[in-house]
Amino acid sequence: DEMTLFKSTADAQSIHIEDREHVVPLILRIMYGKMTSKLGADKKGGGQTRRSLVMRYLAGCTESELKIFIEMAFSQFKQYMPMSPKDINKTVLSTMDLKSITAPGKLHSVLNLFEVVRESFGGYMKD
């Protein structure tokens, strides 16, 4: 896979410093798509292998770049990010629409991704 050869650290010089703010978000979009695609999922450990490759790539990103990835990965929950758990609970209960509820499998997938991101990068993020 080409992305394993492509270094994301600032000192790797794969991306010129002046181009980084424009190029990295595009690469992050590609990596997120690669991680969430079902291609190769039937192979043993295919999904976990892709996720590991993406996390390895993200390890070379800056905090602001990690934030871009996190916002992309959890975009459907963006409205809840600035809320306290108590406010989230109130909002969800008062606005719940059973016709447009998120499927349990999707929620499980999002929680798994959250756990991987938290384990991998929780110490790097300030807020």
N, C-alpha and C. Protein backbone atom coordinates (compact mmCIF):
# COMPACT_ATOMS: atom_id res chain seq x y z
N ASP A 1 0.83 -1.18 0.00
CA ASP A 1 0.00 0.00 0.00
C ASP A 1 0.88 1.25 0.00
N GLU A 2 0.59 2.18 -0.88
CA GLU A 2 1.41 3.38 -1.05
C GLU A 2 1.44 4.26 0.18
N MET A 3 0.36 4.29 0.93
CA MET A 3 0.28 5.18 2.09
C MET A 3 1.27 4.78 3.18
N THR A 4 1.67 3.54 3.23
CA THR A 4 2.64 3.13 4.25
C THR A 4 4.01 3.72 3.94
N LEU A 5 4.27 4.04 2.68
CA LEU A 5 5.54 4.63 2.29
C LEU A 5 5.52 6.15 2.40
N PHE A 6 4.35 6.73 2.47
CA PHE A 6 4.18 8.17 2.49
C PHE A 6 4.22 8.66 3.93
N LYS A 7 5.19 9.47 4.26
CA LYS A 7 5.36 9.95 5.64
C LYS A 7 4.59 11.24 5.86
N SER A 8 3.94 11.34 7.01
CA SER A 8 3.13 12.53 7.29
C SER A 8 3.81 13.49 8.26
N THR A 9 4.94 13.11 8.83
CA THR A 9 5.60 13.99 9.79
C THR A 9 6.13 15.23 9.08
N ALA A 10 6.20 16.33 9.82
CA ALA A 10 6.62 17.61 9.24
C ALA A 10 8.05 17.55 8.72
N ASP A 11 8.92 16.77 9.36
CA ASP A 11 10.32 16.72 8.93
C ASP A 11 10.58 15.69 7.83
N ALA A 12 9.58 14.94 7.42
CA ALA A 12 9.77 13.91 6.39
C ALA A 12 9.91 14.51 4.99
N GLN A 13 9.46 15.72 4.79
CA GLN A 13 9.55 16.44 3.52
C GLN A 13 8.81 15.78 2.38
N SER A 14 7.87 14.90 2.67
CA SER A 14 7.01 14.35 1.62
C SER A 14 6.06 15.42 1.12
N ILE A 15 5.73 16.35 2.02
CA ILE A 15 4.84 17.46 1.70
C ILE A 15 5.57 18.74 2.07
N HIS A 16 5.62 19.69 1.15
CA HIS A 16 6.24 20.98 1.45
C HIS A 16 5.42 21.67 2.54
N ILE A 17 6.10 22.34 3.44
CA ILE A 17 5.45 23.02 4.56
C ILE A 17 4.33 23.94 4.09
N GLU A 18 4.57 24.70 3.04
CA GLU A 18 3.56 25.66 2.56
C GLU A 18 2.35 24.97 1.93
N ASP A 19 2.49 23.71 1.51
CA ASP A 19 1.38 22.97 0.91
C ASP A 19 0.62 22.11 1.92
N ARG A 20 1.20 21.92 3.08
CA ARG A 20 0.67 20.97 4.06
C ARG A 20 -0.78 21.24 4.44
N GLU A 21 -1.14 22.51 4.68
CA GLU A 21 -2.51 22.82 5.13
C GLU A 21 -3.55 22.49 4.07
N HIS A 22 -3.14 22.42 2.81
CA HIS A 22 -4.08 22.10 1.73
C HIS A 22 -4.08 20.61 1.39
N VAL A 23 -2.91 19.98 1.49
CA VAL A 23 -2.76 18.59 1.07
C VAL A 23 -3.21 17.61 2.14
N VAL A 24 -2.83 17.85 3.38
CA VAL A 24 -3.12 16.89 4.45
C VAL A 24 -4.61 16.63 4.63
N PRO A 25 -5.50 17.64 4.60
CA PRO A 25 -6.93 17.32 4.71
C PRO A 25 -7.43 16.39 3.60
N LEU A 26 -6.88 16.52 2.41
CA LEU A 26 -7.26 15.61 1.32
C LEU A 26 -6.77 14.19 1.61
N ILE A 27 -5.56 14.09 2.10
CA ILE A 27 -5.01 12.77 2.44
C ILE A 27 -5.81 12.14 3.58
N LEU A 28 -6.18 12.96 4.56
CA LEU A 28 -6.99 12.45 5.67
C LEU A 28 -8.33 11.93 5.19
N ARG A 29 -8.94 12.62 4.23
CA ARG A 29 -10.22 12.16 3.66
C ARG A 29 -10.03 10.80 2.98
N ILE A 30 -8.94 10.66 2.23
CA ILE A 30 -8.65 9.38 1.56
C ILE A 30 -8.43 8.28 2.60
N MET A 31 -7.66 8.59 3.65
CA MET A 31 -7.37 7.60 4.69
C MET A 31 -8.65 7.18 5.42
N TYR A 32 -9.51 8.15 5.70
CA TYR A 32 -10.78 7.82 6.37
C TYR A 32 -11.63 6.92 5.48
N GLY A 33 -11.69 7.24 4.20
CA GLY A 33 -12.43 6.40 3.26
C GLY A 33 -11.84 5.01 3.17
N LYS A 34 -10.52 4.92 3.17
CA LYS A 34 -9.84 3.63 3.12
C LYS A 34 -10.15 2.80 4.36
N MET A 35 -10.17 3.48 5.49
CA MET A 35 -10.41 2.78 6.75
C MET A 35 -11.85 2.28 6.86
N THR A 36 -12.80 3.03 6.32
CA THR A 36 -14.21 2.67 6.47
C THR A 36 -14.75 1.84 5.32
N SER A 37 -13.97 1.66 4.27
CA SER A 37 -14.46 0.87 3.13
C SER A 37 -14.54 -0.60 3.51
N LYS A 38 -15.43 -1.31 2.86
CA LYS A 38 -15.64 -2.73 3.14
C LYS A 38 -14.76 -3.61 2.27
N LEU A 39 -14.02 -3.02 1.32
CA LEU A 39 -13.17 -3.81 0.44
C LEU A 39 -12.14 -4.57 1.25
N GLY A 40 -12.03 -5.83 1.01
CA GLY A 40 -11.06 -6.65 1.71
C GLY A 40 -11.48 -7.02 3.12
N ALA A 41 -12.69 -6.65 3.50
CA ALA A 41 -13.14 -6.94 4.87
C ALA A 41 -13.36 -8.44 5.08
N ASP A 42 -13.56 -9.17 3.98
CA ASP A 42 -13.77 -10.60 4.13
C ASP A 42 -12.48 -11.34 4.44
N LYS A 43 -11.34 -10.71 4.18
CA LYS A 43 -10.07 -11.32 4.54
C LYS A 43 -9.92 -11.27 6.06
N LYS A 44 -9.24 -12.25 6.59
CA LYS A 44 -9.08 -12.30 8.03
C LYS A 44 -8.31 -11.07 8.53
N GLY A 45 -8.94 -10.30 9.40
CA GLY A 45 -8.30 -9.12 9.96
C GLY A 45 -8.20 -7.95 9.01
N GLY A 46 -8.91 -7.97 7.89
CA GLY A 46 -8.82 -6.92 6.88
C GLY A 46 -9.14 -5.55 7.42
N GLY A 47 -10.25 -5.44 8.16
CA GLY A 47 -10.65 -4.16 8.73
C GLY A 47 -9.66 -3.66 9.77
N GLN A 48 -9.20 -4.57 10.60
CA GLN A 48 -8.24 -4.20 11.64
C GLN A 48 -6.91 -3.79 11.03
N THR A 49 -6.49 -4.46 9.97
CA THR A 49 -5.24 -4.11 9.29
C THR A 49 -5.32 -2.71 8.71
N ARG A 50 -6.44 -2.41 8.03
CA ARG A 50 -6.61 -1.06 7.46
C ARG A 50 -6.61 -0.01 8.56
N ARG A 51 -7.32 -0.28 9.63
CA ARG A 51 -7.38 0.67 10.75
C ARG A 51 -5.99 0.90 11.34
N SER A 52 -5.21 -0.16 11.47
CA SER A 52 -3.86 -0.03 12.01
C SER A 52 -2.98 0.81 11.11
N LEU A 53 -3.10 0.61 9.79
CA LEU A 53 -2.32 1.41 8.84
C LEU A 53 -2.68 2.89 8.93
N VAL A 54 -3.96 3.17 9.03
CA VAL A 54 -4.42 4.56 9.13
C VAL A 54 -3.92 5.18 10.44
N MET A 55 -4.02 4.45 11.54
CA MET A 55 -3.56 4.98 12.83
C MET A 55 -2.06 5.23 12.81
N ARG A 56 -1.32 4.37 12.14
CA ARG A 56 0.13 4.57 12.02
C ARG A 56 0.43 5.84 11.23
N TYR A 57 -0.33 6.08 10.18
CA TYR A 57 -0.16 7.30 9.39
C TYR A 57 -0.52 8.53 10.24
N LEU A 58 -1.61 8.46 10.96
CA LEU A 58 -2.07 9.58 11.78
C LEU A 58 -1.09 9.93 12.89
N ALA A 59 -0.28 8.97 13.31
CA ALA A 59 0.68 9.22 14.37
C ALA A 59 1.67 10.32 13.99
N GLY A 60 1.88 10.53 12.69
CA GLY A 60 2.80 11.57 12.23
C GLY A 60 2.14 12.92 12.00
N CYS A 61 0.85 13.01 12.26
CA CYS A 61 0.12 14.25 12.01
C CYS A 61 0.20 15.18 13.22
N THR A 62 -0.02 16.46 12.96
CA THR A 62 -0.06 17.44 14.04
C THR A 62 -1.40 17.35 14.77
N GLU A 63 -1.49 18.04 15.90
CA GLU A 63 -2.74 18.03 16.67
C GLU A 63 -3.90 18.59 15.84
N SER A 64 -3.66 19.67 15.11
CA SER A 64 -4.74 20.26 14.31
C SER A 64 -5.17 19.31 13.20
N GLU A 65 -4.24 18.55 12.65
CA GLU A 65 -4.57 17.57 11.61
C GLU A 65 -5.36 16.40 12.20
N LEU A 66 -4.99 15.98 13.40
CA LEU A 66 -5.75 14.93 14.09
C LEU A 66 -7.17 15.40 14.36
N LYS A 67 -7.30 16.67 14.70
CA LYS A 67 -8.62 17.24 14.97
C LYS A 67 -9.49 17.19 13.71
N ILE A 68 -8.89 17.47 12.56
CA ILE A 68 -9.61 17.39 11.28
C ILE A 68 -10.14 15.97 11.08
N PHE A 69 -9.28 14.97 11.32
CA PHE A 69 -9.67 13.58 11.16
C PHE A 69 -10.80 13.21 12.12
N ILE A 70 -10.68 13.62 13.36
CA ILE A 70 -11.70 13.30 14.37
C ILE A 70 -13.04 13.94 14.01
N GLU A 71 -13.00 15.19 13.57
CA GLU A 71 -14.24 15.86 13.16
C GLU A 71 -14.87 15.16 11.97
N MET A 72 -14.03 14.65 11.06
CA MET A 72 -14.54 13.93 9.89
C MET A 72 -15.16 12.59 10.33
N ALA A 73 -14.45 11.87 11.18
CA ALA A 73 -14.90 10.54 11.59
C ALA A 73 -16.18 10.57 12.43
N PHE A 74 -16.35 11.63 13.19
CA PHE A 74 -17.50 11.71 14.09
C PHE A 74 -18.44 12.86 13.70
N SER A 75 -18.49 13.18 12.42
CA SER A 75 -19.26 14.34 11.94
C SER A 75 -20.75 14.25 12.27
N GLN A 76 -21.30 13.05 12.28
CA GLN A 76 -22.73 12.94 12.55
C GLN A 76 -23.07 13.25 14.01
N PHE A 77 -22.05 13.34 14.86
CA PHE A 77 -22.26 13.66 16.27
C PHE A 77 -21.68 15.02 16.64
N LYS A 78 -21.33 15.80 15.62
CA LYS A 78 -20.67 17.09 15.84
C LYS A 78 -21.48 18.03 16.74
N GLN A 79 -22.79 18.01 16.60
CA GLN A 79 -23.63 18.90 17.40
C GLN A 79 -23.52 18.62 18.90
N TYR A 80 -23.12 17.39 19.25
CA TYR A 80 -23.03 17.02 20.66
C TYR A 80 -21.65 17.26 21.26
N MET A 81 -20.64 17.48 20.44
CA MET A 81 -19.27 17.58 20.94
C MET A 81 -19.06 18.66 22.00
N PRO A 82 -19.63 19.86 21.84
CA PRO A 82 -19.39 20.87 22.88
C PRO A 82 -20.28 20.72 24.12
N MET A 83 -21.21 19.77 24.11
CA MET A 83 -22.17 19.63 25.21
C MET A 83 -21.63 18.75 26.34
N SER A 84 -22.18 18.99 27.51
CA SER A 84 -21.88 18.11 28.65
C SER A 84 -22.72 16.84 28.49
N PRO A 85 -22.33 15.73 29.12
CA PRO A 85 -23.13 14.50 29.02
C PRO A 85 -24.58 14.70 29.43
N LYS A 86 -24.81 15.51 30.45
CA LYS A 86 -26.18 15.77 30.91
C LYS A 86 -26.99 16.47 29.83
N ASP A 87 -26.38 17.47 29.17
CA ASP A 87 -27.08 18.19 28.10
C ASP A 87 -27.31 17.30 26.88
N ILE A 88 -26.36 16.42 26.60
CA ILE A 88 -26.53 15.48 25.48
C ILE A 88 -27.75 14.61 25.74
N ASN A 89 -27.84 14.08 26.95
CA ASN A 89 -28.97 13.23 27.33
C ASN A 89 -30.29 13.96 27.16
N LYS A 90 -30.37 15.18 27.66
CA LYS A 90 -31.61 15.97 27.54
C LYS A 90 -31.96 16.22 26.07
N THR A 91 -30.97 16.60 25.29
CA THR A 91 -31.20 16.90 23.87
C THR A 91 -31.67 15.68 23.11
N VAL A 92 -31.00 14.56 23.33
CA VAL A 92 -31.37 13.32 22.62
C VAL A 92 -32.79 12.90 22.99
N LEU A 93 -33.10 12.93 24.27
CA LEU A 93 -34.44 12.51 24.70
C LEU A 93 -35.54 13.44 24.20
N SER A 94 -35.25 14.72 24.10
CA SER A 94 -36.29 15.67 23.68
C SER A 94 -36.45 15.76 22.16
N THR A 95 -35.43 15.35 21.41
CA THR A 95 -35.50 15.47 19.95
C THR A 95 -35.49 14.13 19.23
N MET A 96 -35.62 13.04 19.95
CA MET A 96 -35.52 11.71 19.34
C MET A 96 -36.64 11.48 18.32
N ASP A 97 -36.23 11.02 17.15
CA ASP A 97 -37.17 10.66 16.09
C ASP A 97 -36.86 9.22 15.70
N LEU A 98 -37.74 8.31 16.06
CA LEU A 98 -37.49 6.89 15.83
C LEU A 98 -37.37 6.52 14.36
N LYS A 99 -37.87 7.37 13.47
CA LYS A 99 -37.76 7.09 12.03
C LYS A 99 -36.36 7.38 11.49
N SER A 100 -35.61 8.21 12.18
CA SER A 100 -34.28 8.56 11.68
C SER A 100 -33.19 8.22 12.69
N ILE A 101 -33.39 7.16 13.42
CA ILE A 101 -32.43 6.75 14.44
C ILE A 101 -31.24 6.04 13.78
N THR A 102 -30.05 6.21 14.36
CA THR A 102 -28.85 5.56 13.84
C THR A 102 -28.90 4.07 14.15
N ALA A 103 -28.58 3.27 13.15
CA ALA A 103 -28.61 1.81 13.30
C ALA A 103 -27.61 1.36 14.37
N PRO A 104 -27.98 0.33 15.14
CA PRO A 104 -27.08 -0.17 16.19
C PRO A 104 -25.70 -0.57 15.66
N GLY A 105 -25.65 -1.17 14.48
CA GLY A 105 -24.36 -1.56 13.90
C GLY A 105 -23.47 -0.37 13.63
N LYS A 106 -24.07 0.72 13.15
CA LYS A 106 -23.32 1.95 12.89
C LYS A 106 -22.82 2.55 14.20
N LEU A 107 -23.66 2.56 15.22
CA LEU A 107 -23.24 3.06 16.54
C LEU A 107 -22.09 2.23 17.10
N HIS A 108 -22.18 0.93 16.93
CA HIS A 108 -21.12 0.04 17.40
C HIS A 108 -19.81 0.34 16.68
N SER A 109 -19.89 0.54 15.38
CA SER A 109 -18.71 0.87 14.58
C SER A 109 -18.09 2.20 15.03
N VAL A 110 -18.93 3.20 15.27
CA VAL A 110 -18.44 4.51 15.71
C VAL A 110 -17.78 4.39 17.08
N LEU A 111 -18.37 3.62 17.98
CA LEU A 111 -17.78 3.44 19.31
C LEU A 111 -16.44 2.72 19.24
N ASN A 112 -16.34 1.73 18.36
CA ASN A 112 -15.06 1.03 18.17
C ASN A 112 -14.00 2.00 17.66
N LEU A 113 -14.36 2.83 16.69
CA LEU A 113 -13.41 3.81 16.16
C LEU A 113 -13.02 4.80 17.24
N PHE A 114 -13.99 5.25 18.03
CA PHE A 114 -13.70 6.17 19.12
C PHE A 114 -12.69 5.57 20.09
N GLU A 115 -12.86 4.31 20.42
CA GLU A 115 -11.95 3.63 21.35
C GLU A 115 -10.53 3.57 20.77
N VAL A 116 -10.42 3.25 19.49
CA VAL A 116 -9.11 3.18 18.84
C VAL A 116 -8.45 4.55 18.82
N VAL A 117 -9.21 5.58 18.47
CA VAL A 117 -8.67 6.95 18.43
C VAL A 117 -8.26 7.39 19.83
N ARG A 118 -9.09 7.10 20.82
CA ARG A 118 -8.78 7.49 22.19
C ARG A 118 -7.51 6.80 22.69
N GLU A 119 -7.39 5.50 22.42
CA GLU A 119 -6.20 4.76 22.84
C GLU A 119 -4.95 5.26 22.13
N SER A 120 -5.08 5.53 20.84
CA SER A 120 -3.92 5.91 20.04
C SER A 120 -3.49 7.35 20.25
N PHE A 121 -4.45 8.27 20.40
CA PHE A 121 -4.11 9.69 20.38
C PHE A 121 -4.66 10.49 21.55
N GLY A 122 -5.25 9.84 22.52
CA GLY A 122 -5.82 10.57 23.65
C GLY A 122 -4.81 11.44 24.37
N GLY A 123 -3.58 11.00 24.48
CA GLY A 123 -2.54 11.77 25.16
C GLY A 123 -2.00 12.93 24.35
N TYR A 124 -2.23 12.92 23.04
CA TYR A 124 -1.72 13.98 22.17
C TYR A 124 -2.64 15.19 22.10
N MET A 125 -3.90 14.98 22.39
CA MET A 125 -4.89 16.03 22.20
C MET A 125 -5.06 16.84 23.49
N LYS A 126 -5.08 18.16 23.34
CA LYS A 126 -5.23 19.04 24.51
C LYS A 126 -6.69 19.21 24.90
N ASP A 127 -7.57 19.34 23.88
CA ASP A 127 -8.99 19.52 24.19
C ASP A 127 -9.87 18.62 23.37
